[in-house]
């Protein structure tokens, strides 16, 4: 899967785990966009035909809704929720496993907003 990681989730361990699992990963630092606002990251993901992966579920849900309402297109918003109990928070290997399950199920990612916690 082609992924663009938001600043809030672009930890080295996750990037390495995703790449080892065969995903094509791009980080904000690699794109020269570290620290920019969420709409800029979303636009970059769309420009690069990548699904966006973030922990920032609220802002990207709003951006997804905006694109949807404007009848636009994007390559998917994948979020990891961290508001659940700490012991259930997803680690790098959990995210990799959830992506594998999502792909194996043949889920439609384009134009979708998907909470990866539901795919554990």
Foldseek 3Di string as FASTA:
>chain_A
DEEEEELAPPDPVLVVLQVVLPYRYDYCVNVVRPPDDPVVSQVVQQVVQHEYEEQPQPVVVVVLVVCVVVVHKHNAYEHEHDPDDNVLGDDSVLQSQLVVQCVVVVPRGISYYYYSSVSD
